[in-house]
């Protein structure tokens, strides 16, 4: 914190402009990257015409939205309709004020960190800002005149509540392990290498290795938090046209579009910072540095941290694109069940376990007898669960085919009995076809008549 307090005002201004330009550049690249990668998945080229390798296409699309006609449909709330995208856009940029892009660097003769600022509760600040950005989506749905937009805003509310809880709980284990909520402290705490028989390899203790359940829960929650496939229920085309964006166009639509890609980079940057060592070099770079520290120390210092940070961030963006190109959209009940019935229970159980281990380390409870007893209990519980699940699966296989087949009445039925038309089940006949089927059973089939249904289908 003393490093940030000594920064002159013009250095702070330069870092603000740098972060702003970095986010705009990474957004343009991510739009191109997504379109090219999805194109490769679908055996097509993607954007290749404008600029080198088609990079100018994303810039042209952004400029087109900037100068496109921006109109507001009648029936919308004038002020809320305009403020909502600004709220989401400002929140998207604000979260990056506490994310470290690199370690200590020299900038125009001033020794500083490549980070705007840091605070003791920096990670909670990022979560709070992300929650404020969701309000822009909720207000957009409420202020619009379209029912589709309102439904998208309501879905966004449920989605925020469900997966913000999972995301917050996934980070508690990181706070307990690092002993801090400062993003800089969390990155530096992952620079420690593993000891024991692997100490000569200098493998850094990234929290993705120590806290695997927390990393998995966070990575799932961050995809849902950014409304990306397969969790894009807020704006799914088949049900809600474009969701909360249905009434938006022009510059206000461009702000939402920009905020979505910045949020995708934000959650990727948080995952990089909290679980993957932040701006620290990945293995085997630390091991290579130890071969000749005086000549190779630059690989994990200074401005090289920005290169490692950007590389890790782009890998996460590639995972976002991979999920979009391969997985179908969840049903809404599956989406809510995953958040409330799977991720939250796993997170709470994992927090209790991590808390116990931390207290045990402090009180020196972790001797060999205790560890062997704990491992034995876990193995017994795991084996018992597997045996129970195997027995349960065997009991289900013993059920007869008829008991698992849904029962329904055969013969003639009324397809409009429930108020809306339903198709006939096997063995059921529509009323207007009863006479035709009876006649076809006694007379030869004539051209254009309805044939008798197959006995197997009946």
Protein backbone atom coordinates (compact mmCIF):
# COMPACT_ATOMS: atom_id res chain seq x y z
CA UNK A 1 0.00 0.00 0.00
CA UNK A 2 2.92 2.37 0.59
CA UNK A 3 3.88 1.99 -3.07
CA UNK A 4 0.49 3.32 -4.21
CA UNK A 5 0.50 6.23 -1.75
CA UNK A 6 3.78 7.53 -3.21
CA UNK A 7 2.52 7.68 -6.82
CA UNK A 8 2.29 11.21 -8.25
CA UNK A 9 -1.02 12.23 -9.77
CA UNK A 10 0.24 12.06 -13.34
CA UNK A 11 1.37 8.45 -12.88
CA UNK A 12 -2.10 7.58 -11.59
CA UNK A 13 -3.61 9.29 -14.66
CA UNK A 14 -1.30 7.35 -16.99
CA UNK A 15 -2.27 4.07 -15.34
CA UNK A 16 -5.98 4.94 -15.68
CA UNK A 17 -5.54 5.59 -19.41
CA UNK A 18 -3.45 2.43 -19.76
CA UNK A 19 -6.11 0.24 -18.14
CA UNK A 20 -8.83 1.88 -20.28
CA UNK A 21 -6.89 1.31 -23.51
CA UNK A 22 -5.94 -2.21 -22.44
CA UNK A 23 -9.61 -3.13 -21.90
CA UNK A 24 -10.69 -1.65 -25.24
CA UNK A 25 -7.87 -3.44 -27.06
CA UNK A 26 -8.52 -6.77 -25.32
CA UNK A 27 -12.25 -6.44 -26.15
CA UNK A 28 -11.57 -5.88 -29.85
CA UNK A 29 -9.19 -8.82 -29.84
CA UNK A 30 -11.63 -11.08 -27.96
CA UNK A 31 -14.43 -10.34 -30.44
CA UNK A 32 -12.12 -11.31 -33.30
CA UNK A 33 -10.73 -14.26 -31.32
CA UNK A 34 -14.19 -15.62 -30.58
CA UNK A 35 -15.39 -15.36 -34.16
CA UNK A 36 -12.26 -16.97 -35.54
CA UNK A 37 -12.22 -19.78 -32.98
CA UNK A 38 -15.92 -20.58 -33.44
CA UNK A 39 -15.32 -20.50 -37.18
CA UNK A 40 -12.57 -23.09 -36.81
CA UNK A 41 -14.92 -25.27 -34.75
CA UNK A 42 -17.54 -25.03 -37.49
CA UNK A 43 -15.04 -25.59 -40.34
CA UNK A 44 -15.21 -22.07 -41.72
CA UNK A 45 -12.76 -19.16 -41.75
CA UNK A 46 -14.52 -16.40 -39.81
CA UNK A 47 -13.54 -12.73 -40.37
CA UNK A 48 -10.54 -12.54 -42.75
CA UNK A 49 -11.24 -9.62 -45.11
CA UNK A 50 -10.79 -6.36 -43.16
CA UNK A 51 -7.37 -5.59 -41.77
CA UNK A 52 -4.57 -8.04 -41.08
CA UNK A 53 -6.07 -11.47 -40.36
CA UNK A 54 -9.51 -9.82 -40.20
CA UNK A 55 -8.70 -7.82 -37.03
CA UNK A 56 -10.30 -4.71 -38.49
CA UNK A 57 -13.74 -6.36 -38.61
CA UNK A 58 -14.35 -6.05 -34.86
CA UNK A 59 -13.24 -2.40 -34.91
CA UNK A 60 -15.55 -1.70 -37.87
CA UNK A 61 -18.49 -3.33 -36.07
CA UNK A 62 -17.88 -1.15 -33.00
CA UNK A 63 -17.70 2.03 -35.06
CA UNK A 64 -20.88 1.05 -36.89
CA UNK A 65 -22.75 0.77 -33.58
CA UNK A 66 -21.33 4.12 -32.44
CA UNK A 67 -22.81 5.96 -35.43
CA UNK A 68 -25.94 3.86 -35.90
CA UNK A 69 -29.34 5.46 -35.23
CA UNK A 70 -30.11 5.26 -31.52
CA UNK A 71 -33.84 5.41 -30.86
CA UNK A 72 -35.99 4.74 -27.82
CA UNK A 73 -39.31 2.91 -28.33
CA UNK A 74 -42.44 4.58 -27.02
CA UNK A 75 -43.64 3.30 -23.68
CA UNK A 76 -40.18 3.00 -22.13
CA UNK A 77 -39.03 4.89 -19.07
CA UNK A 78 -36.87 7.67 -20.51
CA UNK A 79 -34.31 8.15 -17.74
CA UNK A 80 -33.97 4.58 -16.52
CA UNK A 81 -33.72 3.33 -20.11
CA UNK A 82 -30.69 5.61 -20.63
CA UNK A 83 -29.02 5.23 -17.23
CA UNK A 84 -29.17 1.39 -17.21
CA UNK A 85 -26.47 0.78 -19.87
CA UNK A 86 -24.26 3.49 -18.36
CA UNK A 87 -24.49 1.76 -14.98
CA UNK A 88 -23.40 -1.56 -16.47
CA UNK A 89 -20.61 0.06 -18.48
CA UNK A 90 -19.14 2.00 -15.55
CA UNK A 91 -19.25 -1.09 -13.31
CA UNK A 92 -17.42 -3.12 -15.99
CA UNK A 93 -14.47 -0.70 -16.01
CA UNK A 94 -14.41 -0.03 -12.25
CA UNK A 95 -13.63 -3.59 -11.22
CA UNK A 96 -10.23 -3.38 -12.92
CA UNK A 97 -9.02 -0.67 -10.54
CA UNK A 98 -7.82 -3.29 -8.02
CA UNK A 99 -6.65 -6.05 -10.39
CA UNK A 100 -2.83 -6.30 -10.58
CA UNK A 101 -1.66 -6.49 -14.20
CA UNK A 102 1.98 -6.94 -13.19
CA UNK A 103 4.31 -6.50 -10.25
CA UNK A 104 6.62 -3.58 -9.52
CA UNK A 105 7.80 -1.71 -12.65
CA UNK A 106 9.61 1.45 -13.61
CA UNK A 107 7.32 3.96 -15.31
CA UNK A 108 8.95 7.20 -16.49
CA UNK A 109 11.49 6.98 -13.71
CA UNK A 110 8.91 6.26 -11.00
CA UNK A 111 8.92 2.95 -9.13
CA UNK A 112 5.31 1.72 -8.95
CA UNK A 113 3.06 -1.29 -9.39
CA UNK A 114 1.17 -1.91 -12.62
CA UNK A 115 -2.10 -1.64 -10.71
CA UNK A 116 -4.30 1.37 -10.06
CA UNK A 117 -4.69 0.73 -6.35
CA UNK A 118 -5.15 -1.98 -3.77
CA UNK A 119 -7.13 -2.29 -0.56
CA UNK A 120 -7.50 -4.81 2.27
CA UNK A 121 -10.88 -5.92 0.87
CA UNK A 122 -10.10 -5.66 -2.84
CA UNK A 123 -11.78 -8.94 -3.82
CA UNK A 124 -14.98 -7.96 -2.01
CA UNK A 125 -14.84 -4.66 -3.89
CA UNK A 126 -14.75 -6.57 -7.21
CA UNK A 127 -17.77 -8.67 -6.17
CA UNK A 128 -19.68 -5.57 -5.08
CA UNK A 129 -19.00 -3.78 -8.37
CA UNK A 130 -20.03 -6.87 -10.35
CA UNK A 131 -23.32 -6.96 -8.43
CA UNK A 132 -23.96 -3.30 -9.26
CA UNK A 133 -23.43 -4.07 -12.95
CA UNK A 134 -26.28 -6.62 -12.81
CA UNK A 135 -28.64 -3.82 -11.81
CA UNK A 136 -28.08 -2.28 -15.24
CA UNK A 137 -29.51 -5.43 -16.82
CA UNK A 138 -32.42 -5.60 -14.37
CA UNK A 139 -33.30 -1.93 -14.89
CA UNK A 140 -33.06 -2.32 -18.67
CA UNK A 141 -35.70 -5.04 -18.57
CA UNK A 142 -37.91 -3.04 -16.22
CA UNK A 143 -37.66 0.21 -18.19
CA UNK A 144 -38.36 -1.37 -21.61
CA UNK A 145 -41.79 -1.70 -23.18
CA UNK A 146 -41.27 -5.33 -24.22
CA UNK A 147 -42.40 -8.33 -22.20
CA UNK A 148 -39.33 -10.21 -23.43
CA UNK A 149 -37.09 -7.56 -21.87
CA UNK A 150 -38.94 -7.77 -18.56
CA UNK A 151 -38.59 -11.55 -18.47
CA UNK A 152 -34.88 -11.21 -19.24
CA UNK A 153 -34.48 -8.78 -16.34
CA UNK A 154 -36.31 -11.12 -13.96
CA UNK A 155 -34.13 -14.04 -15.04
CA UNK A 156 -31.06 -11.89 -14.49
CA UNK A 157 -32.17 -11.22 -10.91
CA UNK A 158 -32.54 -14.93 -10.14
CA UNK A 159 -29.26 -15.68 -11.88
CA UNK A 160 -27.39 -13.01 -9.91
CA UNK A 161 -28.71 -14.24 -6.55
CA UNK A 162 -27.96 -17.90 -7.33
CA UNK A 163 -24.46 -17.64 -8.71
CA UNK A 164 -23.18 -14.61 -6.77
CA UNK A 165 -23.62 -16.76 -3.64
CA UNK A 166 -21.68 -19.63 -5.20
CA UNK A 167 -18.95 -17.29 -6.43
CA UNK A 168 -18.58 -15.57 -3.05
CA UNK A 169 -18.43 -18.86 -1.16
CA UNK A 170 -15.81 -20.20 -3.58
CA UNK A 171 -13.52 -17.29 -2.67
CA UNK A 172 -13.79 -17.76 1.10
CA UNK A 173 -11.34 -20.68 0.99
CA UNK A 174 -8.85 -18.44 -0.83
CA UNK A 175 -9.16 -15.80 1.89
CA UNK A 176 -8.60 -18.41 4.59
CA UNK A 177 -5.54 -19.83 2.86
CA UNK A 178 -3.92 -16.52 1.88
CA UNK A 179 -4.90 -14.73 5.10
CA UNK A 180 -5.83 -11.62 3.13
CA UNK A 181 -8.40 -10.20 0.73
CA UNK A 182 -5.87 -7.97 -1.03
CA UNK A 183 -5.31 -9.00 -4.63
CA UNK A 184 -1.58 -8.22 -4.41
CA UNK A 185 -1.15 -10.27 -1.24
CA UNK A 186 -3.04 -13.21 -2.77
CA UNK A 187 -0.78 -13.22 -5.84
CA UNK A 188 2.38 -12.99 -3.75
CA UNK A 189 1.20 -15.78 -1.46
CA UNK A 190 1.10 -18.10 -4.49
CA UNK A 191 4.77 -17.46 -5.28
CA UNK A 192 5.81 -19.96 -2.58
CA UNK A 193 6.99 -23.26 -4.05
CA UNK A 194 6.18 -26.78 -2.87
CA UNK A 195 8.65 -28.38 -0.51
CA UNK A 196 9.51 -32.00 0.14
CA UNK A 197 10.79 -34.33 -2.55
CA UNK A 198 9.58 -31.96 -5.35
CA UNK A 199 11.31 -28.87 -3.97
CA UNK A 200 14.01 -28.99 -6.68
CA UNK A 201 11.33 -28.46 -9.36
CA UNK A 202 10.28 -25.08 -7.86
CA UNK A 203 6.56 -25.64 -8.56
CA UNK A 204 4.57 -22.60 -7.35
CA UNK A 205 1.72 -23.23 -4.93
CA UNK A 206 -1.10 -21.94 -7.09
CA UNK A 207 -4.43 -22.16 -5.32
CA UNK A 208 -5.90 -24.11 -8.23
CA UNK A 209 -3.71 -26.98 -6.97
CA UNK A 210 -4.46 -26.47 -3.27
CA UNK A 211 -8.14 -25.49 -3.55
CA UNK A 212 -9.44 -27.47 -6.53
CA UNK A 213 -13.15 -27.47 -5.45
CA UNK A 214 -13.11 -23.69 -5.00
CA UNK A 215 -11.51 -23.20 -8.43
CA UNK A 216 -14.05 -25.46 -10.14
CA UNK A 217 -17.05 -23.79 -8.45
CA UNK A 218 -15.74 -20.32 -9.27
CA UNK A 219 -15.09 -21.18 -12.92
CA UNK A 220 -18.66 -22.51 -13.32
CA UNK A 221 -20.14 -19.51 -11.49
CA UNK A 222 -18.17 -17.00 -13.53
CA UNK A 223 -19.61 -18.36 -16.79
CA UNK A 224 -23.13 -18.02 -15.37
CA UNK A 225 -22.36 -14.56 -13.99
CA UNK A 226 -21.41 -13.23 -17.43
CA UNK A 227 -24.57 -14.64 -19.12
CA UNK A 228 -22.49 -16.71 -21.49
CA UNK A 229 -23.48 -20.05 -23.04
CA UNK A 230 -24.59 -22.50 -21.75
CA UNK A 231 -25.98 -20.09 -19.11
CA UNK A 232 -27.23 -17.36 -21.49
CA UNK A 233 -30.85 -17.64 -20.36
CA UNK A 234 -31.10 -13.89 -19.83
CA UNK A 235 -31.04 -13.20 -23.57
CA UNK A 236 -31.72 -16.55 -25.26
CA UNK A 237 -33.06 -15.98 -28.77
CA UNK A 238 -35.46 -18.94 -28.91
CA UNK A 239 -37.46 -17.75 -25.89
CA UNK A 240 -36.90 -14.01 -25.35
CA UNK A 241 -35.84 -12.68 -28.78
CA UNK A 242 -32.87 -10.79 -27.29
CA UNK A 243 -33.93 -10.61 -23.65
CA UNK A 244 -33.26 -7.33 -21.86
CA UNK A 245 -31.60 -5.97 -25.04
CA UNK A 246 -34.70 -6.28 -27.24
CA UNK A 247 -35.52 -2.54 -27.22
CA UNK A 248 -31.92 -1.28 -27.40
CA UNK A 249 -29.96 -0.18 -30.46
CA UNK A 250 -27.06 2.04 -31.44
CA UNK A 251 -24.71 3.42 -28.81
CA UNK A 252 -26.67 2.13 -25.82
CA UNK A 253 -26.61 -1.37 -27.28
CA UNK A 254 -22.86 -0.98 -27.91
CA UNK A 255 -22.29 -0.23 -24.20
CA UNK A 256 -23.97 -3.50 -23.21
CA UNK A 257 -21.98 -5.33 -25.86
CA UNK A 258 -18.73 -3.79 -24.59
CA UNK A 259 -19.64 -4.49 -20.95
CA UNK A 260 -20.30 -8.17 -21.70
CA UNK A 261 -16.83 -8.71 -23.12
CA UNK A 262 -15.17 -6.64 -20.39
CA UNK A 263 -17.01 -8.66 -17.75
CA UNK A 264 -15.80 -11.83 -19.45
CA UNK A 265 -12.24 -10.48 -19.16
CA UNK A 266 -12.87 -9.34 -15.56
CA UNK A 267 -13.95 -12.73 -14.22
CA UNK A 268 -11.06 -14.31 -16.16
CA UNK A 269 -8.65 -11.83 -14.56
CA UNK A 270 -10.05 -12.61 -11.09
CA UNK A 271 -9.64 -16.35 -11.71
CA UNK A 272 -6.09 -15.71 -12.88
CA UNK A 273 -5.31 -13.59 -9.83
CA UNK A 274 -6.87 -15.83 -7.18
CA UNK A 275 -6.17 -19.33 -8.49
CA UNK A 276 -3.51 -19.25 -11.22
CA UNK A 277 -0.74 -17.11 -9.77
CA UNK A 278 -1.77 -13.78 -11.28
CA UNK A 279 1.10 -12.11 -13.11
CA UNK A 280 3.59 -14.72 -11.88
CA UNK A 281 5.24 -16.92 -14.52
CA UNK A 282 3.88 -20.46 -14.88
CA UNK A 283 5.96 -23.56 -14.37
CA UNK A 284 8.55 -24.49 -15.67
CA UNK A 285 9.72 -20.87 -15.88
CA UNK A 286 10.54 -20.68 -12.10
CA UNK A 287 12.58 -23.88 -12.44
CA UNK A 288 14.43 -22.49 -15.49
CA UNK A 289 15.19 -19.25 -13.64
CA UNK A 290 16.90 -21.19 -10.85
CA UNK A 291 19.39 -22.58 -13.38
CA UNK A 292 20.83 -19.08 -13.85
CA UNK A 293 19.04 -16.52 -11.63
CA UNK A 294 21.24 -13.56 -12.53
CA UNK A 295 20.63 -13.91 -16.27
CA UNK A 296 17.04 -15.20 -16.32
CA UNK A 297 15.34 -13.36 -13.45
CA UNK A 298 13.73 -10.96 -15.94
CA UNK A 299 11.39 -13.78 -17.06
CA UNK A 300 9.36 -13.37 -13.84
CA UNK A 301 9.76 -9.69 -13.05
CA UNK A 302 8.76 -6.23 -14.21
CA UNK A 303 6.82 -5.85 -17.42
CA UNK A 304 7.00 -9.57 -18.21
CA UNK A 305 4.25 -9.99 -15.61
CA UNK A 306 1.86 -8.23 -18.00
CA UNK A 307 2.65 -10.79 -20.71
CA UNK A 308 2.04 -13.75 -18.38
CA UNK A 309 -1.16 -12.17 -17.05
CA UNK A 310 -2.51 -11.51 -20.56
CA UNK A 311 -1.65 -15.03 -21.69
CA UNK A 312 -3.56 -16.61 -18.80
CA UNK A 313 -6.50 -14.28 -19.39
CA UNK A 314 -6.71 -15.24 -23.08
CA UNK A 315 -6.68 -18.94 -22.15
CA UNK A 316 -9.79 -18.36 -20.02
CA UNK A 317 -11.42 -16.43 -22.87
CA UNK A 318 -10.70 -19.41 -25.11
CA UNK A 319 -12.54 -21.63 -22.62
CA UNK A 320 -15.54 -19.25 -22.80
CA UNK A 321 -15.57 -19.59 -26.58
CA UNK A 322 -15.09 -23.35 -26.41
CA UNK A 323 -18.13 -23.68 -24.13
CA UNK A 324 -20.22 -21.56 -26.47
CA UNK A 325 -19.26 -23.63 -29.48
CA UNK A 326 -19.85 -27.06 -27.92
CA UNK A 327 -22.51 -27.04 -25.18
CA UNK A 328 -26.27 -26.56 -25.61
CA UNK A 329 -28.18 -24.11 -23.43
CA UNK A 330 -29.40 -25.34 -20.05
CA UNK A 331 -33.06 -25.56 -19.19
CA UNK A 332 -34.02 -23.01 -16.56
CA UNK A 333 -34.76 -25.62 -13.89
CA UNK A 334 -31.41 -27.32 -14.54
CA UNK A 335 -29.74 -23.94 -14.32
CA UNK A 336 -31.25 -23.15 -10.91
CA UNK A 337 -30.69 -26.67 -9.58
CA UNK A 338 -27.00 -26.47 -10.42
CA UNK A 339 -26.60 -23.27 -8.44
CA UNK A 340 -28.68 -24.10 -5.36
CA UNK A 341 -28.43 -27.89 -5.09
CA UNK A 342 -24.85 -28.49 -6.28
CA UNK A 343 -22.52 -25.50 -6.17
CA UNK A 344 -23.65 -23.94 -2.90
CA UNK A 345 -23.61 -27.21 -0.86
CA UNK A 346 -20.18 -28.09 -2.26
CA UNK A 347 -18.85 -24.64 -1.39
CA UNK A 348 -20.19 -24.70 2.17
CA UNK A 349 -18.79 -28.19 2.82
CA UNK A 350 -15.42 -27.22 1.38
CA UNK A 351 -15.26 -24.06 3.53
CA UNK A 352 -15.87 -26.11 6.67
CA UNK A 353 -13.11 -28.54 5.69
CA UNK A 354 -10.61 -25.77 4.88
CA UNK A 355 -11.44 -23.99 8.14
CA UNK A 356 -10.81 -27.19 10.09
CA UNK A 357 -7.46 -27.71 8.38
CA UNK A 358 -6.40 -24.11 9.07
CA UNK A 359 -7.30 -24.39 12.75
CA UNK A 360 -5.59 -27.78 12.94
CA UNK A 361 -2.42 -26.30 11.48
CA UNK A 362 -2.51 -23.46 14.01
CA UNK A 363 -3.12 -25.78 16.98
CA UNK A 364 -0.68 -28.47 15.75
CA UNK A 365 -3.40 -31.12 15.58
CA UNK A 366 -2.22 -32.58 12.29
CA UNK A 367 0.00 -35.42 13.48
CA UNK A 368 0.31 -38.73 11.69
CA UNK A 369 -2.43 -40.46 13.71
CA UNK A 370 -4.97 -37.73 13.04
CA UNK A 371 -4.16 -37.64 9.34
CA UNK A 372 -4.47 -41.42 8.98
CA UNK A 373 -7.76 -41.41 10.89
CA UNK A 374 -9.16 -38.59 8.74
CA UNK A 375 -8.10 -40.32 5.54
CA UNK A 376 -9.63 -43.59 6.74
CA UNK A 377 -12.96 -41.93 7.55
CA UNK A 378 -13.07 -40.22 4.15
CA UNK A 379 -12.25 -43.48 2.35
CA UNK A 380 -14.93 -45.40 4.28
CA UNK A 381 -17.55 -42.73 3.51
CA UNK A 382 -16.56 -42.68 -0.16
CA UNK A 383 -16.70 -46.46 -0.48
CA UNK A 384 -20.04 -46.54 1.33
CA UNK A 385 -21.48 -43.92 -1.01
CA UNK A 386 -20.25 -45.81 -4.09
CA UNK A 387 -21.73 -49.09 -2.80
CA UNK A 388 -25.04 -47.38 -2.05
CA UNK A 389 -25.13 -45.78 -5.49
CA UNK A 390 -24.28 -49.13 -7.14
CA UNK A 391 -26.98 -50.91 -5.15
CA UNK A 392 -29.50 -48.21 -6.01
CA UNK A 393 -28.66 -48.53 -9.70
CA UNK A 394 -29.09 -52.33 -9.51
CA UNK A 395 -32.50 -51.97 -7.90
CA UNK A 396 -33.63 -49.67 -10.68
CA UNK A 397 -32.49 -52.18 -13.31
CA UNK A 398 -34.73 -54.81 -11.71
CA UNK A 399 -37.82 -52.74 -12.40
CA UNK A 400 -39.94 -54.15 -15.21
CA UNK A 401 -40.32 -52.31 -18.47
CA UNK A 402 -44.03 -51.84 -17.91
CA UNK A 403 -43.55 -50.20 -14.51
CA UNK A 404 -41.24 -47.61 -16.07
CA UNK A 405 -43.53 -46.93 -19.02
CA UNK A 406 -45.93 -44.03 -18.44
CA UNK A 407 -49.57 -45.16 -18.37
CA UNK A 408 -52.27 -43.52 -20.47
CA UNK A 409 -55.64 -44.45 -21.91
CA UNK A 410 -55.78 -45.93 -25.39
CA UNK A 411 -58.51 -45.62 -27.96
CA UNK A 412 -60.34 -42.46 -28.96
CA UNK A 413 -59.39 -39.26 -27.11
CA UNK A 414 -60.06 -35.52 -27.27
CA UNK A 415 -56.87 -33.57 -28.10
CA UNK A 416 -58.47 -30.30 -26.85
CA UNK A 417 -59.57 -31.64 -23.46
CA UNK A 418 -56.82 -29.73 -21.64
CA UNK A 419 -57.50 -26.44 -23.39
CA UNK A 420 -54.75 -26.75 -25.98
CA UNK A 421 -54.04 -29.35 -28.71
CA UNK A 422 -51.81 -32.30 -27.87
CA UNK A 423 -50.58 -35.05 -30.22
CA UNK A 424 -51.92 -38.61 -29.80
CA UNK A 425 -49.89 -41.21 -27.94
CA UNK A 426 -49.35 -44.73 -29.36
CA UNK A 427 -52.72 -46.50 -29.36
CA UNK A 428 -54.77 -43.27 -29.26
CA UNK A 429 -56.86 -42.12 -32.23
CA UNK A 430 -58.16 -38.68 -33.13
CA UNK A 431 -62.02 -38.51 -33.24
CA UNK A 432 -62.18 -37.42 -36.89
CA UNK A 433 -60.11 -40.44 -37.96
CA UNK A 434 -62.23 -43.10 -36.24
CA UNK A 435 -64.68 -43.50 -39.16
CA UNK A 436 -61.90 -43.44 -41.74
CA UNK A 437 -59.94 -46.12 -39.91
CA UNK A 438 -63.03 -48.32 -39.57
CA UNK A 439 -63.81 -47.99 -43.27
CA UNK A 440 -60.22 -48.74 -44.26
CA UNK A 441 -60.37 -51.93 -42.19
CA UNK A 442 -63.25 -53.33 -44.30
CA UNK A 443 -62.58 -51.75 -47.72
CA UNK A 444 -59.49 -51.73 -49.96
CA UNK A 445 -57.29 -48.69 -49.50
CA UNK A 446 -58.02 -45.97 -52.03
CA UNK A 447 -55.55 -43.37 -53.27
CA UNK A 448 -55.38 -40.45 -50.82
CA UNK A 449 -56.97 -42.37 -47.93
CA UNK A 450 -55.44 -42.70 -44.48
CA UNK A 451 -53.62 -46.06 -44.11
CA UNK A 452 -54.12 -48.32 -41.15
CA UNK A 453 -51.62 -47.66 -38.38
CA UNK A 454 -48.87 -50.17 -37.81
CA UNK A 455 -49.72 -52.76 -35.15
CA UNK A 456 -46.32 -52.27 -33.51
CA UNK A 457 -46.91 -48.52 -33.22
CA UNK A 458 -50.39 -49.16 -31.83
